[in-house]
PDB file of N, CA and C in Angstrom:
ATOM      1  N   THR A   1      98.405  90.106 116.513  1.00  0.00           N
ATOM      2  CA  THR A   1      98.645  91.051 115.439  1.00  0.00           C
ATOM      3  C   THR A   1      97.285  91.522 114.875  1.00  0.00           C
ATOM      4  N   ARG A   2      97.172  92.829 114.742  1.00  0.00           N
ATOM      5  CA  ARG A   2      95.927  93.379 114.280  1.00  0.00           C
ATOM      6  C   ARG A   2      96.186  94.233 113.031  1.00  0.00           C
ATOM      7  N   ILE A   3      95.405  94.013 111.987  1.00  0.00           N
ATOM      8  CA  ILE A   3      95.604  94.757 110.747  1.00  0.00           C
ATOM      9  C   ILE A   3      94.353  95.548 110.423  1.00  0.00           C
ATOM     10  N   GLU A   4      94.560  96.856 110.253  1.00  0.00           N
ATOM     11  CA  GLU A   4      93.452  97.734 109.893  1.00  0.00           C
ATOM     12  C   GLU A   4      93.556  98.014 108.356  1.00  0.00           C
ATOM     13  N   LEU A   5      92.451  97.769 107.673  1.00  0.00           N
ATOM     14  CA  LEU A   5      92.498  98.010 106.248  1.00  0.00           C
ATOM     15  C   LEU A   5      91.169  98.557 105.737  1.00  0.00           C
ATOM     16  N   ILE A   6      91.213  99.143 104.547  1.00  0.00           N
ATOM     17  CA  ILE A   6      89.984  99.677 103.957  1.00  0.00           C
ATOM     18  C   ILE A   6      89.653  98.821 102.700  1.00  0.00           C
ATOM     19  N   GLU A   7      88.477  98.262 102.695  1.00  0.00           N
ATOM     20  CA  GLU A   7      88.043  97.472 101.584  1.00  0.00           C
ATOM     21  C   GLU A   7      87.209  98.325 100.617  1.00  0.00           C
ATOM     22  N   ILE A   8      87.589  98.315  99.345  1.00  0.00           N
ATOM     23  CA  ILE A   8      86.847  99.100  98.352  1.00  0.00           C
ATOM     24  C   ILE A   8      85.923  98.164  97.584  1.00  0.00           C
ATOM     25  N   VAL A   9      84.617  98.381  97.731  1.00  0.00           N
ATOM     26  CA  VAL A   9      83.644  97.498  97.092  1.00  0.00           C
ATOM     27  C   VAL A   9      82.669  98.300  96.282  1.00  0.00           C
ATOM     28  N   PRO A  10      82.193  97.723  95.168  1.00  0.00           N
ATOM     29  CA  PRO A  10      81.187  98.405  94.337  1.00  0.00           C
ATOM     30  C   PRO A  10      79.844  98.490  95.050  1.00  0.00           C
ATOM     31  N   ASN A  11      79.174  99.626  94.924  1.00  0.00           N
ATOM     32  CA  ASN A  11      77.884  99.762  95.620  1.00  0.00           C
ATOM     33  C   ASN A  11      76.704  99.407  94.738  1.00  0.00           C
ATOM     34  N   GLY A  12      77.016  98.922  93.547  1.00  0.00           N
ATOM     35  CA  GLY A  12      75.934  98.463  92.673  1.00  0.00           C
ATOM     36  C   GLY A  12      75.306  99.575  91.852  1.00  0.00           C
ATOM     37  N   ARG A  13      75.746 100.818  92.058  1.00  0.00           N
ATOM     38  CA  ARG A  13      75.205 101.929  91.307  1.00  0.00           C
ATOM     39  C   ARG A  13      76.257 102.656  90.543  1.00  0.00           C
ATOM     40  N   GLY A  14      77.334 101.943  90.197  1.00  0.00           N
ATOM     41  CA  GLY A  14      78.415 102.553  89.416  1.00  0.00           C
ATOM     42  C   GLY A  14      79.388 103.317  90.234  1.00  0.00           C
ATOM     43  N   GLY A  15      79.266 103.231  91.559  1.00  0.00           N
ATOM     44  CA  GLY A  15      80.157 103.918  92.433  1.00  0.00           C
ATOM     45  C   GLY A  15      80.869 102.942  93.352  1.00  0.00           C
ATOM     46  N   TRP A  16      81.656 103.490  94.300  1.00  0.00           N
ATOM     47  CA  TRP A  16      82.416 102.667  95.166  1.00  0.00           C
ATOM     48  C   TRP A  16      82.208 103.044  96.617  1.00  0.00           C
ATOM     49  N   VAL A  17      82.341 102.061  97.479  1.00  0.00           N
ATOM     50  CA  VAL A  17      82.163 102.278  98.912  1.00  0.00           C
ATOM     51  C   VAL A  17      83.405 101.834  99.655  1.00  0.00           C
ATOM     52  N   GLU A  18      83.884 102.648 100.556  1.00  0.00           N
ATOM     53  CA  GLU A  18      85.044 102.257 101.397  1.00  0.00           C
ATOM     54  C   GLU A  18      84.521 101.621 102.663  1.00  0.00           C
ATOM     55  N   ARG A  19      84.900 100.342 102.853  1.00  0.00           N
ATOM     56  CA  ARG A  19      84.434  99.620 103.990  1.00  0.00           C
ATOM     57  C   ARG A  19      85.586  99.246 104.915  1.00  0.00           C
ATOM     58  N   PRO A  20      85.661  99.917 106.072  1.00  0.00           N
ATOM     59  CA  PRO A  20      86.764  99.618 106.980  1.00  0.00           C
ATOM     60  C   PRO A  20      86.682  98.204 107.521  1.00  0.00           C
ATOM     61  N   ARG A  21      87.827  97.549 107.609  1.00  0.00           N
ATOM     62  CA  ARG A  21      87.849  96.194 108.138  1.00  0.00           C
ATOM     63  C   ARG A  21      89.031  96.063 109.141  1.00  0.00           C
ATOM     64  N   SER A  22      88.839  95.229 110.103  1.00  0.00           N
ATOM     65  CA  SER A  22      89.920  94.985 111.045  1.00  0.00           C
ATOM     66  C   SER A  22      90.138  93.486 111.137  1.00  0.00           C
ATOM     67  N   LEU A  23      91.345  93.065 110.779  1.00  0.00           N
ATOM     68  CA  LEU A  23      91.658  91.655 110.784  1.00  0.00           C
ATOM     69  C   LEU A  23      92.540  91.304 111.987  1.00  0.00           C
ATOM     70  N   SER A  24      92.161  90.256 112.711  1.00  0.00           N
ATOM     71  CA  SER A  24      92.981  89.820 113.841  1.00  0.00           C
ATOM     72  C   SER A  24      93.637  88.514 113.495  1.00  0.00           C
ATOM     73  N   LEU A  25      94.958  88.507 113.471  1.00  0.00           N
ATOM     74  CA  LEU A  25      95.705  87.322 113.111  1.00  0.00           C
ATOM     75  C   LEU A  25      96.334  86.690 114.331  1.00  0.00           C
ATOM     76  N   ASP A  26      95.934  85.446 114.566  1.00  0.00           N
ATOM     77  CA  ASP A  26      96.525  84.709 115.669  1.00  0.00           C
ATOM     78  C   ASP A  26      97.513  83.699 115.120  1.00  0.00           C
ATOM     79  N   GLU A  27      98.799  83.928 115.427  1.00  0.00           N
ATOM     80  CA  GLU A  27      99.841  83.037 114.928  1.00  0.00           C
ATOM     81  C   GLU A  27     100.406  82.180 116.063  1.00  0.00           C
ATOM     82  N   GLY A  28     100.621  80.900 115.755  1.00  0.00           N
ATOM     83  CA  GLY A  28     101.204  80.023 116.753  1.00  0.00           C
ATOM     84  C   GLY A  28     100.179  79.346 117.604  1.00  0.00           C
TER      85      GLY A  28
END
């Protein structure tokens, strides 16, 4: 199972950065 998500993180200058992440879940 693969999950694509966007992580919103502060850039330290009062703004925000969208950081794409891909999570791979191995079950079983």
